[in-house]
């Protein structure tokens, strides 16, 4: 038996195996690197809806697919995984909302989405809730902002540019309130305070929670602050321009 031939054969096989492993590692690393890059020219459009309707409860959220911004039809396969992740999280929100509805005594409840930003690597929407329990109560229940390259839900802190972090303070919020930087869903900026929402001397107790915001069409981060004395209201909120654009905005240097 030729031991040298056996040894050399095993060595060649080992080298081949190492080469294959290195190639696969490089390929996987490259894919993940691409996934981390922001995507532009992509839209998330609803291919269908997820609706849960039981008793006096009805909630609807979009189930999206990634398509080219150019024609609104051509699939962008690189973002299909991100779209699936978004859909899963929105379905989970509806299921949780139904559980809350049962705990709250099953009042008449209708939940529907309001898309605020779709593009520049951002898909942002606000879930509006209408409850009829003696009287009609309408408010923004939850906001979701996702990255279109990964499908990850992000907080406003994830989106603020490094150089603007120092402006994200309670003092800055107070300044913006005094300046009348209020925002409404029809896209009109007005300085008039929302009726019965911001009493004189209003001061936010703290910065908004990580997900109490949305991104508007101009890539601005819009905070959702609680109404009432020092933000005492748990449901009603008003919209306030943070003064900061997302780090994915190409309109900002």
Protein backbone atom coordinates (compact mmCIF):
# COMPACT_ATOMS: atom_id res chain seq x y z
CA UNK A 1 0.00 0.00 0.00
CA UNK A 2 1.37 3.42 -0.98
CA UNK A 3 1.06 5.46 2.20
CA UNK A 4 2.38 8.63 0.56
CA UNK A 5 -0.36 8.51 -2.11
CA UNK A 6 -3.00 8.03 0.60
CA UNK A 7 -1.68 10.94 2.60
CA UNK A 8 -1.55 13.25 -0.43
CA UNK A 9 -5.08 12.29 -1.46
CA UNK A 10 -6.44 13.14 1.96
CA UNK A 11 -4.55 16.42 1.92
CA UNK A 12 -6.05 17.37 -1.46
CA UNK A 13 -9.56 16.54 -0.21
CA UNK A 14 -8.99 18.61 2.91
CA UNK A 15 -7.83 21.58 0.83
CA UNK A 16 -10.93 21.29 -1.35
CA UNK A 17 -13.14 21.24 1.73
CA UNK A 18 -11.42 24.29 3.18
CA UNK A 19 -11.79 26.13 -0.14
CA UNK A 20 -15.50 25.35 -0.29
CA UNK A 21 -15.99 26.54 3.32
CA UNK A 22 -14.12 29.77 2.61
CA UNK A 23 -16.23 30.37 -0.51
CA UNK A 24 -19.49 29.76 1.34
CA UNK A 25 -18.43 32.01 4.20
CA UNK A 26 -17.54 34.78 1.77
CA UNK A 27 -20.85 34.33 -0.02
CA UNK A 28 -22.90 34.43 3.18
CA UNK A 29 -20.92 37.38 4.50
CA UNK A 30 -21.50 39.20 1.23
CA UNK A 31 -25.24 38.57 1.38
CA UNK A 32 -25.46 39.87 4.93
CA UNK A 33 -23.36 42.87 4.00
CA UNK A 34 -25.78 43.66 1.19
CA UNK A 35 -28.72 43.28 3.55
CA UNK A 36 -27.21 45.90 5.84
CA UNK A 37 -27.02 48.50 3.09
CA UNK A 38 -29.96 50.95 2.91
CA UNK A 39 -32.19 50.45 -0.12
CA UNK A 40 -33.60 53.22 -2.28
CA UNK A 41 -36.09 53.03 -5.10
CA UNK A 42 -38.11 50.37 -3.25
CA UNK A 43 -41.76 50.52 -2.22
CA UNK A 44 -43.70 48.22 0.08
CA UNK A 45 -47.12 47.83 -1.51
CA UNK A 46 -50.01 45.77 -0.08
CA UNK A 47 -50.49 42.54 -1.99
CA UNK A 48 -53.35 41.68 0.38
CA UNK A 49 -54.61 42.48 3.88
CA UNK A 50 -54.72 40.67 7.16
CA UNK A 51 -58.11 41.26 8.75
CA UNK A 52 -59.40 39.94 12.04
CA UNK A 53 -63.12 40.40 12.60
CA UNK A 54 -64.81 38.89 15.63
CA UNK A 55 -67.86 40.22 17.43
CA UNK A 56 -67.56 43.99 17.62
CA UNK A 57 -63.85 43.91 16.81
CA UNK A 58 -62.38 44.59 13.38
CA UNK A 59 -58.73 45.27 12.60
CA UNK A 60 -56.93 45.43 9.28
CA UNK A 61 -53.23 45.72 8.45
CA UNK A 62 -51.45 45.56 5.08
CA UNK A 63 -49.45 42.54 4.00
CA UNK A 64 -46.78 44.01 1.78
CA UNK A 65 -44.42 43.00 -0.96
CA UNK A 66 -41.29 44.84 -2.11
CA UNK A 67 -41.46 46.32 -5.61
CA UNK A 68 -39.51 48.79 -7.70
CA UNK A 69 -40.34 52.45 -7.24
CA UNK A 70 -40.02 52.92 -11.01
CA UNK A 71 -43.07 50.93 -12.11
CA UNK A 72 -44.64 49.84 -8.81
CA UNK A 73 -44.83 46.24 -10.07
CA UNK A 74 -41.42 44.63 -10.52
CA UNK A 75 -40.55 42.56 -7.42
CA UNK A 76 -37.37 43.44 -5.53
CA UNK A 77 -36.29 39.99 -4.39
CA UNK A 78 -33.48 41.32 -2.19
CA UNK A 79 -36.15 42.81 0.10
CA UNK A 80 -38.66 39.95 0.09
CA UNK A 81 -37.39 38.67 3.44
CA UNK A 82 -37.75 42.15 4.92
CA UNK A 83 -41.35 42.38 3.66
CA UNK A 84 -42.18 39.02 5.24
CA UNK A 85 -40.74 40.21 8.57
CA UNK A 86 -42.89 43.35 8.42
CA UNK A 87 -46.02 41.32 7.68
CA UNK A 88 -45.39 39.00 10.59
CA UNK A 89 -45.02 41.87 13.07
CA UNK A 90 -48.18 43.62 11.85
CA UNK A 91 -50.20 40.41 12.20
CA UNK A 92 -48.88 40.01 15.73
CA UNK A 93 -50.07 43.54 16.55
CA UNK A 94 -53.61 42.71 15.38
CA UNK A 95 -53.71 39.49 17.39
CA UNK A 96 -52.54 41.35 20.50
CA UNK A 97 -55.13 44.09 19.91
CA UNK A 98 -57.86 41.47 19.88
CA UNK A 99 -56.66 40.09 23.22
CA UNK A 100 -56.76 43.63 24.66
CA UNK A 101 -60.28 44.07 23.28
CA UNK A 102 -61.42 40.98 25.18
CA UNK A 103 -59.84 42.22 28.40
CA UNK A 104 -61.47 45.65 28.02
CA UNK A 105 -65.01 44.26 27.96
CA UNK A 106 -65.37 43.99 24.18
CA UNK A 107 -66.33 47.55 23.21
CA UNK A 108 -67.00 48.30 19.53
CA UNK A 109 -63.47 48.52 18.10
CA UNK A 110 -62.15 49.36 14.63
CA UNK A 111 -58.42 49.55 13.86
CA UNK A 112 -56.99 50.65 10.54
CA UNK A 113 -53.60 51.82 9.20
CA UNK A 114 -52.40 55.21 8.02
CA UNK A 115 -49.22 54.98 5.92
CA UNK A 116 -46.94 57.96 6.57
CA UNK A 117 -43.69 57.05 4.76
CA UNK A 118 -42.84 54.50 2.07
CA UNK A 119 -39.35 54.75 0.60
CA UNK A 120 -35.79 55.89 1.38
CA UNK A 121 -35.32 52.61 3.30
CA UNK A 122 -38.27 53.48 5.57
CA UNK A 123 -41.77 52.01 5.82
CA UNK A 124 -43.71 53.85 8.53
CA UNK A 125 -47.35 53.65 9.52
CA UNK A 126 -49.69 54.61 12.35
CA UNK A 127 -52.48 52.37 13.59
CA UNK A 128 -55.62 54.38 14.32
CA UNK A 129 -58.10 52.95 16.81
CA UNK A 130 -61.77 53.86 17.09
CA UNK A 131 -63.64 52.65 20.16
CA UNK A 132 -67.36 53.04 20.71
CA UNK A 133 -68.13 52.52 24.38
CA UNK A 134 -70.85 54.99 25.32
CA UNK A 135 -69.07 57.60 23.19
CA UNK A 136 -66.72 57.49 20.23
CA UNK A 137 -63.03 57.70 21.06
CA UNK A 138 -60.52 58.00 18.20
CA UNK A 139 -56.76 58.03 18.77
CA UNK A 140 -53.43 56.85 17.41
CA UNK A 141 -52.86 53.54 19.12
CA UNK A 142 -49.48 52.38 17.87
CA UNK A 143 -46.85 53.40 15.35
CA UNK A 144 -44.50 51.15 13.42
CA UNK A 145 -41.38 52.15 11.53
CA UNK A 146 -39.47 49.45 9.66
CA UNK A 147 -36.27 49.37 7.63
CA UNK A 148 -36.95 48.19 4.10
CA UNK A 149 -33.60 46.40 3.79
CA UNK A 150 -34.05 44.21 6.89
CA UNK A 151 -37.69 44.42 8.02
CA UNK A 152 -36.50 45.39 11.50
CA UNK A 153 -38.74 47.65 13.56
CA UNK A 154 -36.64 50.60 14.69
CA UNK A 155 -36.89 53.24 17.39
CA UNK A 156 -36.47 56.96 16.79
CA UNK A 157 -33.04 56.70 18.42
CA UNK A 158 -32.00 54.28 15.67
CA UNK A 159 -32.83 56.88 13.03
CA UNK A 160 -31.34 60.07 14.46
CA UNK A 161 -28.12 61.26 12.91
CA UNK A 162 -25.13 61.31 15.26
CA UNK A 163 -24.73 65.08 14.98
CA UNK A 164 -28.39 65.65 15.95
CA UNK A 165 -28.53 63.41 19.01
CA UNK A 166 -27.72 66.39 21.27
CA UNK A 167 -30.98 68.06 20.19
CA UNK A 168 -33.15 65.10 21.25
CA UNK A 169 -33.97 66.46 24.73
CA UNK A 170 -37.05 67.47 26.72
CA UNK A 171 -35.85 71.08 26.47
CA UNK A 172 -35.90 70.81 22.67
CA UNK A 173 -39.43 69.44 22.77
CA UNK A 174 -40.55 72.39 24.88
CA UNK A 175 -38.93 74.78 22.42
CA UNK A 176 -40.70 73.11 19.49
CA UNK A 177 -44.04 73.33 21.33
CA UNK A 178 -43.53 77.05 21.96
CA UNK A 179 -42.61 77.48 18.28
CA UNK A 180 -45.85 75.73 17.24
CA UNK A 181 -44.20 72.90 15.32
CA UNK A 182 -47.35 70.75 15.27
CA UNK A 183 -48.09 68.31 12.50
CA UNK A 184 -51.37 66.95 11.19
CA UNK A 185 -52.09 63.94 9.01
CA UNK A 186 -53.30 66.02 6.07
CA UNK A 187 -49.77 67.37 5.77
CA UNK A 188 -50.55 70.91 6.91
CA UNK A 189 -48.19 72.55 9.38
CA UNK A 190 -49.99 74.92 11.75
CA UNK A 191 -48.98 76.69 14.95
CA UNK A 192 -52.37 76.47 16.65
CA UNK A 193 -52.36 74.09 19.60
CA UNK A 194 -54.64 71.05 19.36
CA UNK A 195 -57.87 71.79 21.26
CA UNK A 196 -57.87 70.66 24.88
CA UNK A 197 -54.61 68.80 24.45
CA UNK A 198 -51.80 71.08 25.60
CA UNK A 199 -52.59 73.18 28.69
CA UNK A 200 -50.58 76.26 29.55
CA UNK A 201 -47.29 75.33 31.12
CA UNK A 202 -47.29 71.90 29.48
CA UNK A 203 -43.96 70.21 29.89
CA UNK A 204 -43.17 66.69 28.68
CA UNK A 205 -42.13 64.57 31.63
CA UNK A 206 -39.60 62.73 29.48
CA UNK A 207 -38.66 61.96 25.91
CA UNK A 208 -41.17 59.83 23.98
CA UNK A 209 -40.94 56.06 24.22
CA UNK A 210 -38.79 54.36 21.57
CA UNK A 211 -41.74 53.68 19.24
CA UNK A 212 -43.91 56.75 19.94
CA UNK A 213 -43.11 58.36 16.62
CA UNK A 214 -43.51 57.99 12.90
CA UNK A 215 -41.65 59.23 9.84
CA UNK A 216 -43.44 61.56 7.43
CA UNK A 217 -43.05 61.91 3.65
CA UNK A 218 -40.31 64.51 4.13
CA UNK A 219 -38.28 62.01 6.19
CA UNK A 220 -38.90 63.99 9.37
CA UNK A 221 -39.23 62.20 12.71
CA UNK A 222 -42.62 63.12 14.17
CA UNK A 223 -43.11 62.46 17.87
CA UNK A 224 -46.42 61.36 19.34
CA UNK A 225 -46.68 63.06 22.73
CA UNK A 226 -49.43 62.39 25.30
CA UNK A 227 -52.06 65.08 25.86
CA UNK A 228 -53.03 66.54 29.22
CA UNK A 229 -51.20 67.99 32.19
CA UNK A 230 -47.59 66.81 31.85
CA UNK A 231 -48.78 64.14 29.44
CA UNK A 232 -51.31 62.56 31.79
CA UNK A 233 -53.47 61.11 29.00
CA UNK A 234 -52.60 57.54 28.16
CA UNK A 235 -54.46 57.44 24.86
CA UNK A 236 -54.83 60.85 23.21
CA UNK A 237 -51.67 62.32 21.81
CA UNK A 238 -50.55 65.18 19.63
CA UNK A 239 -47.96 65.20 16.86
CA UNK A 240 -44.83 67.30 17.22
CA UNK A 241 -42.04 67.80 14.70
CA UNK A 242 -38.75 66.69 16.24
CA UNK A 243 -36.86 68.96 13.86
CA UNK A 244 -34.69 66.02 12.76
CA UNK A 245 -34.70 64.05 9.53
CA UNK A 246 -33.82 60.36 9.48
CA UNK A 247 -30.24 59.40 8.73
CA UNK A 248 -31.50 57.76 5.53
CA UNK A 249 -32.77 61.02 4.10
CA UNK A 250 -30.76 62.00 1.03
CA UNK A 251 -32.04 65.56 1.27
CA UNK A 252 -29.83 66.17 4.29
CA UNK A 253 -26.05 66.23 4.12
